[in-house]
Amino acid sequence: MSSPISTAGPISTAATTGTAGMNGTADSGVSGDGPLAHHLDRFAAFDDRVDAWVDTIRSPALDHVFYALSSAADHSVLWHVLGAVAGLRHRSLAPTRRLSKILATESALTNGAIKSLFRRERPERDRTADESLPYGMRVPITSSFPSGHATAAFTAAAVLSEDGGAAIWYPLAALVAGSRVYVRMHHASDVIGGAALGVVLGAALRRIVR
């Protein structure tokens, strides 16, 4: 099977400031005009270097791994399922409900107030508007910064690791976060910012939400 992105060219971070659109795709819904968007310009060179490196490791096998993982984490489904497993282990729905409440709060904060401050455009893609992505993925219409997948992943890891297993949950969170760069949904700085935000929110919300 050929690589799902074998025909895609390098990502350009020129879209960071809103001067470039989503090449060959539907409008991302953001224009890079958030009040704090200009602060992200300084990371463009770093994002380009990371994108160039990722392009050197692409393969059909990794396509399947990262597209599947990224898709599984859409709407935090992966983390809700893992929360359900935790509930089964404890023979109680309390851990499942608690994680769901924490993730709902995180999503409201990240995808609402925080993303509205940046409204960063997503990486350019060399795909036509009607070309489907693997595993049912779609390009979100929210701001690229911060990465919601990364924020949710590290928030969930902070909660799930309360019972141990941090050596499992945080690497899994890192893989989910990194997958967003691989599948060209986010710039690297979006993912790093989202991961940092997730660590902070996870530490705070697991103390507040019981």
N, C-alpha and C. Protein backbone atom coordinates (compact mmCIF):
# COMPACT_ATOMS: atom_id res chain seq x y z
N MET A 1 0.86 -1.20 0.00
CA MET A 1 0.00 0.00 0.00
C MET A 1 0.88 1.23 0.00
N SER A 2 0.57 2.20 -0.83
CA SER A 2 1.41 3.39 -0.89
C SER A 2 1.18 4.28 0.30
N SER A 3 2.15 5.15 0.57
CA SER A 3 2.05 6.06 1.69
C SER A 3 0.92 7.04 1.47
N PRO A 4 0.07 7.29 2.51
CA PRO A 4 -1.04 8.22 2.36
C PRO A 4 -0.59 9.63 2.07
N ILE A 5 0.65 9.96 2.37
CA ILE A 5 1.11 11.32 2.15
C ILE A 5 2.31 11.35 1.23
N SER A 6 2.47 10.31 0.42
CA SER A 6 3.67 10.22 -0.41
C SER A 6 3.77 11.33 -1.44
N THR A 7 2.64 11.95 -1.77
CA THR A 7 2.68 13.01 -2.76
C THR A 7 2.71 14.39 -2.15
N ALA A 8 2.72 14.45 -0.83
CA ALA A 8 2.69 15.75 -0.17
C ALA A 8 4.08 16.34 -0.07
N GLY A 9 4.17 17.63 -0.30
CA GLY A 9 5.45 18.30 -0.20
C GLY A 9 5.71 18.80 1.20
N PRO A 10 6.84 19.47 1.42
CA PRO A 10 7.17 19.99 2.73
C PRO A 10 6.14 20.99 3.22
N ILE A 11 6.00 21.08 4.51
CA ILE A 11 5.10 22.03 5.12
C ILE A 11 5.78 23.39 5.19
N SER A 12 5.02 24.41 4.96
CA SER A 12 5.55 25.76 5.11
C SER A 12 4.94 26.41 6.32
N THR A 13 5.73 27.07 7.15
CA THR A 13 5.21 27.78 8.29
C THR A 13 4.92 29.22 7.95
N ALA A 14 4.91 29.54 6.66
CA ALA A 14 4.55 30.89 6.27
C ALA A 14 3.13 31.22 6.67
N ALA A 15 2.32 30.17 6.85
CA ALA A 15 0.92 30.40 7.22
C ALA A 15 0.77 30.87 8.65
N THR A 16 1.85 30.88 9.39
CA THR A 16 1.79 31.25 10.79
C THR A 16 1.13 32.60 11.01
N THR A 17 1.44 33.56 10.16
CA THR A 17 0.93 34.90 10.37
C THR A 17 -0.31 35.19 9.56
N GLY A 18 -0.78 34.19 8.83
CA GLY A 18 -1.99 34.37 8.06
C GLY A 18 -1.76 34.90 6.66
N THR A 19 -0.49 34.95 6.20
CA THR A 19 -0.21 35.47 4.87
C THR A 19 -0.34 34.40 3.81
N ALA A 20 -0.44 33.13 4.23
CA ALA A 20 -0.61 32.04 3.28
C ALA A 20 -1.79 31.21 3.69
N GLY A 21 -2.49 30.64 2.71
CA GLY A 21 -3.66 29.83 3.02
C GLY A 21 -3.31 28.37 3.09
N MET A 22 -4.34 27.56 3.24
CA MET A 22 -4.16 26.12 3.26
C MET A 22 -4.10 25.65 1.83
N ASN A 23 -2.91 25.38 1.34
CA ASN A 23 -2.71 25.06 -0.07
C ASN A 23 -3.47 23.81 -0.47
N GLY A 24 -4.44 23.98 -1.39
CA GLY A 24 -5.16 22.83 -1.91
C GLY A 24 -6.19 22.25 -0.97
N THR A 25 -6.57 22.96 0.09
CA THR A 25 -7.56 22.43 1.00
C THR A 25 -8.60 23.48 1.28
N ALA A 26 -9.66 23.03 1.95
CA ALA A 26 -10.68 23.97 2.38
C ALA A 26 -10.09 24.90 3.42
N ASP A 27 -10.67 26.10 3.55
CA ASP A 27 -10.21 27.09 4.52
C ASP A 27 -10.22 26.50 5.91
N SER A 28 -9.15 26.74 6.68
CA SER A 28 -9.05 26.19 8.02
C SER A 28 -9.97 26.90 9.00
N GLY A 29 -10.51 28.05 8.60
CA GLY A 29 -11.42 28.75 9.47
C GLY A 29 -10.74 29.75 10.37
N VAL A 30 -9.42 29.85 10.32
CA VAL A 30 -8.70 30.82 11.13
C VAL A 30 -7.80 31.64 10.22
N SER A 31 -7.48 32.83 10.67
CA SER A 31 -6.75 33.75 9.81
C SER A 31 -5.44 34.24 10.38
N GLY A 32 -5.03 33.70 11.53
CA GLY A 32 -3.76 34.13 12.12
C GLY A 32 -3.81 35.53 12.68
N ASP A 33 -5.03 36.02 13.00
CA ASP A 33 -5.16 37.40 13.46
C ASP A 33 -5.49 37.50 14.94
N GLY A 34 -5.23 36.45 15.71
CA GLY A 34 -5.47 36.51 17.14
C GLY A 34 -4.55 37.54 17.80
N PRO A 35 -4.94 38.09 18.93
CA PRO A 35 -4.15 39.14 19.57
C PRO A 35 -2.73 38.73 19.95
N LEU A 36 -2.50 37.44 20.12
CA LEU A 36 -1.17 36.96 20.49
C LEU A 36 -0.48 36.21 19.37
N ALA A 37 -1.07 36.18 18.19
CA ALA A 37 -0.55 35.38 17.08
C ALA A 37 0.87 35.78 16.69
N HIS A 38 1.18 37.07 16.75
CA HIS A 38 2.49 37.53 16.29
C HIS A 38 3.64 36.98 17.13
N HIS A 39 3.34 36.57 18.35
CA HIS A 39 4.40 36.02 19.20
C HIS A 39 4.89 34.66 18.69
N LEU A 40 4.12 34.01 17.83
CA LEU A 40 4.49 32.70 17.32
C LEU A 40 5.44 32.78 16.13
N ASP A 41 5.60 33.98 15.56
CA ASP A 41 6.47 34.13 14.39
C ASP A 41 7.90 33.69 14.68
N ARG A 42 8.34 33.89 15.91
CA ARG A 42 9.72 33.57 16.26
C ARG A 42 10.03 32.08 16.18
N PHE A 43 8.98 31.26 16.16
CA PHE A 43 9.19 29.81 16.12
C PHE A 43 9.15 29.23 14.72
N ALA A 44 8.97 30.08 13.70
CA ALA A 44 8.81 29.58 12.33
C ALA A 44 10.02 28.77 11.86
N ALA A 45 11.23 29.27 12.13
CA ALA A 45 12.43 28.56 11.69
C ALA A 45 12.54 27.20 12.38
N PHE A 46 12.24 27.17 13.67
CA PHE A 46 12.26 25.90 14.42
C PHE A 46 11.25 24.92 13.84
N ASP A 47 10.04 25.40 13.58
CA ASP A 47 9.00 24.54 13.01
C ASP A 47 9.44 23.98 11.66
N ASP A 48 10.07 24.81 10.84
CA ASP A 48 10.54 24.36 9.53
C ASP A 48 11.59 23.25 9.66
N ARG A 49 12.49 23.41 10.63
CA ARG A 49 13.54 22.40 10.82
C ARG A 49 12.93 21.06 11.26
N VAL A 50 11.97 21.13 12.16
CA VAL A 50 11.32 19.90 12.61
C VAL A 50 10.56 19.23 11.45
N ASP A 51 9.84 20.04 10.68
CA ASP A 51 9.11 19.49 9.53
C ASP A 51 10.05 18.82 8.53
N ALA A 52 11.20 19.45 8.30
CA ALA A 52 12.18 18.88 7.36
C ALA A 52 12.70 17.55 7.87
N TRP A 53 12.93 17.46 9.18
CA TRP A 53 13.40 16.19 9.75
C TRP A 53 12.32 15.12 9.65
N VAL A 54 11.08 15.48 9.97
CA VAL A 54 9.99 14.51 9.90
C VAL A 54 9.85 13.97 8.48
N ASP A 55 10.05 14.83 7.49
CA ASP A 55 9.95 14.37 6.10
C ASP A 55 10.98 13.29 5.77
N THR A 56 12.10 13.28 6.50
CA THR A 56 13.15 12.28 6.23
C THR A 56 12.82 10.91 6.80
N ILE A 57 11.87 10.83 7.72
CA ILE A 57 11.57 9.54 8.35
C ILE A 57 10.21 8.97 7.92
N ARG A 58 9.54 9.67 7.02
CA ARG A 58 8.22 9.19 6.61
C ARG A 58 8.31 7.83 5.90
N SER A 59 7.34 6.99 6.16
CA SER A 59 7.26 5.68 5.51
C SER A 59 5.83 5.19 5.58
N PRO A 60 5.44 4.25 4.72
CA PRO A 60 4.08 3.71 4.80
C PRO A 60 3.76 3.12 6.18
N ALA A 61 4.75 2.45 6.80
CA ALA A 61 4.50 1.85 8.11
C ALA A 61 4.22 2.93 9.16
N LEU A 62 5.03 3.98 9.17
CA LEU A 62 4.82 5.05 10.13
C LEU A 62 3.53 5.82 9.83
N ASP A 63 3.17 5.92 8.55
CA ASP A 63 1.90 6.56 8.20
C ASP A 63 0.75 5.87 8.93
N HIS A 64 0.73 4.55 8.85
CA HIS A 64 -0.35 3.82 9.50
C HIS A 64 -0.34 4.02 11.00
N VAL A 65 0.83 4.00 11.60
CA VAL A 65 0.93 4.16 13.06
C VAL A 65 0.43 5.53 13.49
N PHE A 66 0.96 6.58 12.88
CA PHE A 66 0.67 7.93 13.36
C PHE A 66 -0.70 8.44 12.91
N TYR A 67 -1.13 8.08 11.71
CA TYR A 67 -2.48 8.48 11.31
C TYR A 67 -3.52 7.78 12.18
N ALA A 68 -3.32 6.49 12.45
CA ALA A 68 -4.26 5.75 13.28
C ALA A 68 -4.29 6.30 14.70
N LEU A 69 -3.12 6.59 15.25
CA LEU A 69 -3.04 7.10 16.62
C LEU A 69 -3.67 8.48 16.72
N SER A 70 -3.37 9.32 15.76
CA SER A 70 -3.93 10.67 15.76
C SER A 70 -5.45 10.62 15.64
N SER A 71 -5.94 9.75 14.77
CA SER A 71 -7.38 9.62 14.59
C SER A 71 -8.05 9.07 15.84
N ALA A 72 -7.41 8.11 16.49
CA ALA A 72 -7.98 7.53 17.71
C ALA A 72 -8.12 8.56 18.82
N ALA A 73 -7.26 9.56 18.80
CA ALA A 73 -7.29 10.59 19.84
C ALA A 73 -8.21 11.76 19.50
N ASP A 74 -8.85 11.73 18.32
CA ASP A 74 -9.81 12.78 17.98
C ASP A 74 -10.90 12.82 19.05
N HIS A 75 -11.25 14.04 19.45
CA HIS A 75 -12.28 14.24 20.48
C HIS A 75 -11.95 13.49 21.78
N SER A 76 -10.66 13.22 21.98
CA SER A 76 -10.17 12.53 23.18
C SER A 76 -10.77 11.13 23.35
N VAL A 77 -11.23 10.52 22.26
CA VAL A 77 -11.85 9.20 22.35
C VAL A 77 -10.89 8.19 22.99
N LEU A 78 -9.64 8.21 22.56
CA LEU A 78 -8.64 7.29 23.12
C LEU A 78 -8.58 7.41 24.64
N TRP A 79 -8.57 8.64 25.13
CA TRP A 79 -8.41 8.86 26.57
C TRP A 79 -9.68 8.50 27.33
N HIS A 80 -10.83 8.73 26.73
CA HIS A 80 -12.08 8.31 27.38
C HIS A 80 -12.15 6.79 27.48
N VAL A 81 -11.68 6.10 26.45
CA VAL A 81 -11.66 4.63 26.50
C VAL A 81 -10.72 4.15 27.60
N LEU A 82 -9.56 4.76 27.69
CA LEU A 82 -8.62 4.38 28.74
C LEU A 82 -9.17 4.71 30.12
N GLY A 83 -9.94 5.79 30.20
CA GLY A 83 -10.60 6.11 31.47
C GLY A 83 -11.63 5.06 31.84
N ALA A 84 -12.32 4.54 30.83
CA ALA A 84 -13.30 3.47 31.07
C ALA A 84 -12.61 2.20 31.56
N VAL A 85 -11.44 1.93 30.98
CA VAL A 85 -10.67 0.76 31.42
C VAL A 85 -10.24 0.94 32.88
N ALA A 86 -9.84 2.15 33.23
CA ALA A 86 -9.47 2.43 34.62
C ALA A 86 -10.66 2.21 35.55
N GLY A 87 -11.86 2.60 35.09
CA GLY A 87 -13.04 2.37 35.89
C GLY A 87 -13.32 0.90 36.11
N LEU A 88 -13.12 0.10 35.06
CA LEU A 88 -13.30 -1.33 35.20
C LEU A 88 -12.31 -1.92 36.18
N ARG A 89 -11.09 -1.42 36.13
CA ARG A 89 -10.07 -1.92 37.05
C ARG A 89 -10.42 -1.63 38.50
N HIS A 90 -11.03 -0.46 38.72
CA HIS A 90 -11.41 -0.06 40.08
C HIS A 90 -12.82 -0.55 40.44
N ARG A 91 -13.51 -1.18 39.46
CA ARG A 91 -14.88 -1.62 39.65
C ARG A 91 -15.77 -0.46 40.10
N SER A 92 -15.53 0.68 39.47
CA SER A 92 -16.29 1.88 39.79
C SER A 92 -16.28 2.81 38.59
N LEU A 93 -17.40 3.51 38.39
CA LEU A 93 -17.47 4.47 37.30
C LEU A 93 -16.87 5.83 37.69
N ALA A 94 -16.52 5.99 38.95
CA ALA A 94 -16.02 7.28 39.42
C ALA A 94 -14.78 7.75 38.66
N PRO A 95 -13.75 6.90 38.47
CA PRO A 95 -12.56 7.36 37.74
C PRO A 95 -12.89 7.73 36.29
N THR A 96 -13.81 6.99 35.69
CA THR A 96 -14.20 7.27 34.31
C THR A 96 -14.90 8.62 34.21
N ARG A 97 -15.86 8.85 35.10
CA ARG A 97 -16.58 10.13 35.10
C ARG A 97 -15.64 11.29 35.41
N ARG A 98 -14.73 11.08 36.32
CA ARG A 98 -13.81 12.15 36.70
C ARG A 98 -12.92 12.55 35.54
N LEU A 99 -12.35 11.57 34.85
CA LEU A 99 -11.49 11.89 33.71
C LEU A 99 -12.29 12.59 32.62
N SER A 100 -13.52 12.14 32.39
CA SER A 100 -14.36 12.77 31.37
C SER A 100 -14.64 14.23 31.72
N LYS A 101 -14.90 14.51 32.99
CA LYS A 101 -15.15 15.89 33.42
C LYS A 101 -13.89 16.75 33.25
N ILE A 102 -12.75 16.18 33.58
CA ILE A 102 -11.50 16.92 33.44
C ILE A 102 -11.21 17.21 31.97
N LEU A 103 -11.41 16.23 31.11
CA LEU A 103 -11.15 16.43 29.69
C LEU A 103 -12.15 17.41 29.07
N ALA A 104 -13.38 17.41 29.55
CA ALA A 104 -14.37 18.37 29.06
C ALA A 104 -13.97 19.78 29.44
N THR A 105 -13.48 19.95 30.66
CA THR A 105 -13.02 21.26 31.11
C THR A 105 -11.81 21.71 30.32
N GLU A 106 -10.87 20.79 30.13
CA GLU A 106 -9.67 21.11 29.35
C GLU A 106 -10.03 21.52 27.94
N SER A 107 -10.96 20.80 27.31
CA SER A 107 -11.34 21.10 25.94
C SER A 107 -12.00 22.47 25.84
N ALA A 108 -12.85 22.79 26.80
CA ALA A 108 -13.53 24.09 26.78
C ALA A 108 -12.51 25.23 26.90
N LEU A 109 -11.52 25.04 27.75
CA LEU A 109 -10.50 26.08 27.93
C LEU A 109 -9.60 26.19 26.71
N THR A 110 -9.13 25.04 26.22
CA THR A 110 -8.18 25.03 25.11
C THR A 110 -8.82 25.50 23.81
N ASN A 111 -9.93 24.88 23.46
CA ASN A 111 -10.56 25.16 22.17
C ASN A 111 -11.41 26.42 22.17
N GLY A 112 -11.64 26.97 23.34
CA GLY A 112 -12.39 28.20 23.44
C GLY A 112 -11.49 29.40 23.65
N ALA A 113 -11.31 29.75 24.90
CA ALA A 113 -10.59 30.98 25.24
C ALA A 113 -9.15 31.01 24.74
N ILE A 114 -8.41 29.92 24.95
CA ILE A 114 -6.97 29.95 24.65
C ILE A 114 -6.71 30.01 23.15
N LYS A 115 -7.37 29.16 22.37
CA LYS A 115 -7.14 29.20 20.92
C LYS A 115 -7.58 30.53 20.30
N SER A 116 -8.59 31.16 20.88
CA SER A 116 -9.06 32.43 20.32
C SER A 116 -8.02 33.53 20.45
N LEU A 117 -7.07 33.35 21.36
CA LEU A 117 -6.01 34.35 21.53
C LEU A 117 -4.97 34.28 20.42
N PHE A 118 -4.92 33.17 19.70
CA PHE A 118 -3.88 32.98 18.68
C PHE A 118 -4.45 32.87 17.26
N ARG A 119 -5.47 32.05 17.08
CA ARG A 119 -6.06 31.87 15.75
C ARG A 119 -4.98 31.62 14.68
N ARG A 120 -4.05 30.75 15.00
CA ARG A 120 -2.96 30.44 14.08
C ARG A 120 -3.41 29.50 12.98
N GLU A 121 -2.98 29.76 11.76
CA GLU A 121 -3.31 28.86 10.66
C GLU A 121 -2.53 27.57 10.77
N ARG A 122 -3.12 26.51 10.26
CA ARG A 122 -2.48 25.20 10.29
C ARG A 122 -1.48 25.07 9.15
N PRO A 123 -0.59 24.07 9.24
CA PRO A 123 0.39 23.86 8.16
C PRO A 123 -0.28 23.68 6.80
N GLU A 124 0.38 24.15 5.76
CA GLU A 124 -0.13 23.96 4.41
C GLU A 124 -0.09 22.49 4.03
N ARG A 125 -1.04 22.10 3.20
CA ARG A 125 -1.12 20.71 2.78
C ARG A 125 -1.26 20.66 1.27
N ASP A 126 -0.57 19.74 0.63
CA ASP A 126 -0.66 19.56 -0.81
C ASP A 126 -1.74 18.54 -1.15
N ARG A 127 -2.96 18.82 -0.71
CA ARG A 127 -4.08 17.92 -0.98
C ARG A 127 -5.24 18.72 -1.56
N THR A 128 -5.98 18.09 -2.42
CA THR A 128 -7.17 18.74 -2.95
C THR A 128 -8.27 18.70 -1.91
N ALA A 129 -9.23 19.59 -2.05
CA ALA A 129 -10.26 19.74 -1.03
C ALA A 129 -11.09 18.47 -0.85
N ASP A 130 -11.26 17.68 -1.92
CA ASP A 130 -12.11 16.51 -1.83
C ASP A 130 -11.32 15.22 -1.60
N GLU A 131 -10.04 15.34 -1.35
CA GLU A 131 -9.22 14.14 -1.12
C GLU A 131 -9.30 13.76 0.35
N SER A 132 -9.71 12.54 0.63
CA SER A 132 -9.90 12.11 2.00
C SER A 132 -8.57 11.75 2.65
N LEU A 133 -8.52 11.94 3.96
CA LEU A 133 -7.34 11.59 4.73
C LEU A 133 -7.50 10.19 5.30
N PRO A 134 -6.40 9.52 5.60
CA PRO A 134 -6.49 8.16 6.16
C PRO A 134 -7.23 8.13 7.49
N TYR A 135 -7.87 7.02 7.77
CA TYR A 135 -8.52 6.76 9.04
C TYR A 135 -9.60 7.80 9.38
N GLY A 136 -10.21 8.36 8.36
CA GLY A 136 -11.32 9.27 8.59
C GLY A 136 -10.95 10.62 9.18
N MET A 137 -9.69 10.98 9.12
CA MET A 137 -9.27 12.25 9.69
C MET A 137 -9.76 13.43 8.87
N ARG A 138 -9.95 14.56 9.54
CA ARG A 138 -10.31 15.82 8.88
C ARG A 138 -9.46 16.94 9.46
N VAL A 139 -9.26 17.97 8.65
CA VAL A 139 -8.51 19.13 9.13
C VAL A 139 -9.43 19.96 10.01
N PRO A 140 -9.10 20.16 11.28
CA PRO A 140 -9.96 20.95 12.17
C PRO A 140 -10.04 22.40 11.73
N ILE A 141 -11.09 23.08 12.18
CA ILE A 141 -11.27 24.48 11.80
C ILE A 141 -10.81 25.43 12.91
N THR A 142 -10.29 24.88 14.00
CA THR A 142 -9.85 25.73 15.11
C THR A 142 -8.40 26.16 14.90
N SER A 143 -7.93 27.06 15.76
CA SER A 143 -6.56 27.55 15.70
C SER A 143 -5.57 26.39 15.84
N SER A 144 -4.48 26.51 15.12
CA SER A 144 -3.44 25.48 15.19
C SER A 144 -2.72 25.49 16.54
N PHE A 145 -2.62 26.68 17.15
CA PHE A 145 -1.93 26.79 18.44
C PHE A 145 -2.94 27.09 19.54
N PRO A 146 -2.83 26.37 20.66
CA PRO A 146 -2.00 25.19 20.89
C PRO A 146 -2.69 23.93 20.37
N SER A 147 -1.94 22.85 20.25
CA SER A 147 -2.52 21.60 19.78
C SER A 147 -3.47 21.05 20.83
N GLY A 148 -4.74 20.89 20.44
CA GLY A 148 -5.71 20.32 21.36
C GLY A 148 -5.42 18.87 21.68
N HIS A 149 -4.92 18.12 20.69
CA HIS A 149 -4.57 16.72 20.94
C HIS A 149 -3.46 16.62 21.99
N ALA A 150 -2.45 17.48 21.86
CA ALA A 150 -1.34 17.45 22.81
C ALA A 150 -1.80 17.86 24.20
N THR A 151 -2.63 18.89 24.27
CA THR A 151 -3.12 19.35 25.56
C THR A 151 -3.94 18.27 26.24
N ALA A 152 -4.86 17.67 25.51
CA ALA A 152 -5.69 16.61 26.08
C ALA A 152 -4.85 15.41 26.49
N ALA A 153 -3.86 15.06 25.67
CA ALA A 153 -3.03 13.89 25.96
C ALA A 153 -2.28 14.04 27.27
N PHE A 154 -1.67 15.20 27.47
CA PHE A 154 -0.88 15.39 28.69
C PHE A 154 -1.76 15.66 29.90
N THR A 155 -2.94 16.22 29.68
CA THR A 155 -3.89 16.35 30.78
C THR A 155 -4.33 14.96 31.24
N ALA A 156 -4.68 14.11 30.27
CA ALA A 156 -5.11 12.75 30.60
C ALA A 156 -3.99 11.97 31.27
N ALA A 157 -2.77 12.12 30.77
CA ALA A 157 -1.63 11.40 31.36
C ALA A 157 -1.44 11.79 32.82
N ALA A 158 -1.62 13.07 33.11
CA ALA A 158 -1.47 13.53 34.50
C ALA A 158 -2.50 12.89 35.41
N VAL A 159 -3.72 12.70 34.90
CA VAL A 159 -4.78 12.10 35.70
C VAL A 159 -4.60 10.59 35.81
N LEU A 160 -4.36 9.94 34.70
CA LEU A 160 -4.22 8.49 34.70
C LEU A 160 -3.02 8.02 35.52
N SER A 161 -1.98 8.85 35.57
CA SER A 161 -0.76 8.45 36.29
C SER A 161 -0.88 8.58 37.80
N GLU A 162 -2.02 9.09 38.28
CA GLU A 162 -2.21 9.17 39.73
C GLU A 162 -2.16 7.80 40.37
N ASP A 163 -2.59 6.79 39.63
CA ASP A 163 -2.57 5.41 40.13
C ASP A 163 -1.30 4.67 39.70
N GLY A 164 -0.30 5.40 39.24
CA GLY A 164 0.92 4.79 38.75
C GLY A 164 0.90 4.68 37.23
N GLY A 165 1.97 4.16 36.68
CA GLY A 165 2.03 3.98 35.24
C GLY A 165 2.44 5.20 34.46
N ALA A 166 3.06 6.18 35.15
CA ALA A 166 3.50 7.39 34.45
C ALA A 166 4.44 7.07 33.30
N ALA A 167 5.23 6.00 33.45
CA ALA A 167 6.17 5.60 32.40
C ALA A 167 5.45 5.09 31.16
N ILE A 168 4.16 4.82 31.28
CA ILE A 168 3.35 4.40 30.13
C ILE A 168 2.54 5.57 29.59
N TRP A 169 1.87 6.29 30.49
CA TRP A 169 0.93 7.33 30.07
C TRP A 169 1.62 8.52 29.41
N TYR A 170 2.73 8.97 29.96
CA TYR A 170 3.38 10.14 29.37
C TYR A 170 4.03 9.85 28.02
N PRO A 171 4.71 8.71 27.85
CA PRO A 171 5.19 8.39 26.50
C PRO A 171 4.06 8.24 25.48
N LEU A 172 2.92 7.65 25.90
CA LEU A 172 1.78 7.56 24.99
C LEU A 172 1.28 8.95 24.64
N ALA A 173 1.22 9.84 25.62
CA ALA A 173 0.81 11.22 25.36
C ALA A 173 1.77 11.89 24.38
N ALA A 174 3.07 11.63 24.55
CA ALA A 174 4.06 12.22 23.65
C ALA A 174 3.90 11.70 22.23
N LEU A 175 3.57 10.42 22.08
CA LEU A 175 3.35 9.85 20.75
C LEU A 175 2.13 10.47 20.08
N VAL A 176 1.05 10.63 20.84
CA VAL A 176 -0.15 11.27 20.30
C VAL A 176 0.17 12.69 19.87
N ALA A 177 0.86 13.41 20.73
CA ALA A 177 1.22 14.80 20.42
C ALA A 177 2.10 14.87 19.18
N GLY A 178 3.12 14.02 19.13
CA GLY A 178 4.02 14.02 17.99
C GLY A 178 3.34 13.62 16.69
N SER A 179 2.32 12.79 16.81
CA SER A 179 1.60 12.36 15.60
C SER A 179 0.98 13.54 14.87
N ARG A 180 0.66 14.60 15.60
CA ARG A 180 0.01 15.75 14.98
C ARG A 180 0.94 16.52 14.05
N VAL A 181 2.23 16.46 14.32
CA VAL A 181 3.21 17.04 13.40
C VAL A 181 3.38 16.12 12.20
N TYR A 182 3.45 14.82 12.46
CA TYR A 182 3.63 13.85 11.38
C TYR A 182 2.49 13.92 10.37
N VAL A 183 1.25 14.05 10.85
CA VAL A 183 0.10 14.07 9.94
C VAL A 183 -0.19 15.47 9.41
N ARG A 184 0.66 16.40 9.73
CA ARG A 184 0.59 17.77 9.20
C ARG A 184 -0.66 18.52 9.63
N MET A 185 -1.07 18.29 10.84
CA MET A 185 -2.17 19.06 11.40
C MET A 185 -1.67 20.21 12.27
N HIS A 186 -0.40 20.12 12.68
CA HIS A 186 0.14 21.13 13.58
C HIS A 186 1.61 21.40 13.29
N HIS A 187 2.03 22.60 13.65
CA HIS A 187 3.43 22.94 13.70
C HIS A 187 4.01 22.34 14.98
N ALA A 188 5.31 22.12 15.01
CA ALA A 188 5.94 21.54 16.19
C ALA A 188 5.73 22.41 17.42
N SER A 189 5.79 23.73 17.25
CA SER A 189 5.60 24.62 18.39
C SER A 189 4.17 24.55 18.93
N ASP A 190 3.20 24.22 18.08
CA ASP A 190 1.83 24.02 18.56
C ASP A 190 1.78 22.86 19.54
N VAL A 191 2.49 21.80 19.18
CA VAL A 191 2.49 20.58 19.98
C VAL A 191 3.22 20.80 21.31
N ILE A 192 4.35 21.48 21.25
CA ILE A 192 5.10 21.75 22.49
C ILE A 192 4.28 22.64 23.41
N GLY A 193 3.66 23.67 22.84
CA GLY A 193 2.81 24.53 23.65
C GLY A 193 1.63 23.79 24.24
N GLY A 194 1.02 22.92 23.44
CA GLY A 194 -0.11 22.13 23.94
C GLY A 194 0.30 21.17 25.04
N ALA A 195 1.47 20.54 24.88
CA ALA A 195 1.95 19.61 25.90
C ALA A 195 2.20 20.33 27.22
N ALA A 196 2.82 21.50 27.14
CA ALA A 196 3.09 22.29 28.35
C ALA A 196 1.78 22.70 29.02
N LEU A 197 0.82 23.13 28.20
CA LEU A 197 -0.48 23.51 28.74
C LEU A 197 -1.17 22.31 29.38
N GLY A 198 -1.06 21.15 28.75
CA GLY A 198 -1.67 19.94 29.30
C GLY A 198 -1.09 19.54 30.64
N VAL A 199 0.23 19.69 30.80
CA VAL A 199 0.87 19.39 32.08
C VAL A 199 0.33 20.30 33.18
N VAL A 200 0.20 21.59 32.85
CA VAL A 200 -0.30 22.56 33.83
C VAL A 200 -1.77 22.28 34.17
N LEU A 201 -2.59 22.11 33.13
CA LEU A 201 -4.00 21.85 33.37
C LEU A 201 -4.23 20.53 34.10
N GLY A 202 -3.45 19.52 33.72
CA GLY A 202 -3.59 18.22 34.38
C GLY A 202 -3.28 18.31 35.86
N ALA A 203 -2.19 19.02 36.20
CA ALA A 203 -1.81 19.16 37.60
C ALA A 203 -2.86 19.92 38.39
N ALA A 204 -3.46 20.95 37.75
CA ALA A 204 -4.46 21.76 38.44
C ALA A 204 -5.81 21.04 38.55
N LEU A 205 -6.27 20.50 37.42
CA LEU A 205 -7.61 19.92 37.39
C LEU A 205 -7.72 18.64 38.21
N ARG A 206 -6.65 17.88 38.32
CA ARG A 206 -6.77 16.65 39.10
C ARG A 206 -6.86 16.96 40.60
N ARG A 207 -6.49 18.18 40.99
CA ARG A 207 -6.68 18.60 42.39
C ARG A 207 -8.07 19.17 42.61
N ILE A 208 -8.61 19.79 41.57
CA ILE A 208 -9.90 20.49 41.69
C ILE A 208 -11.08 19.55 41.49
N VAL A 209 -10.98 18.70 40.44
CA VAL A 209 -12.10 17.83 40.08
C VAL A 209 -11.99 16.50 40.81
N ARG A 210 -13.01 16.20 41.56
CA ARG A 210 -13.01 14.95 42.33
C ARG A 210 -14.26 14.14 42.04
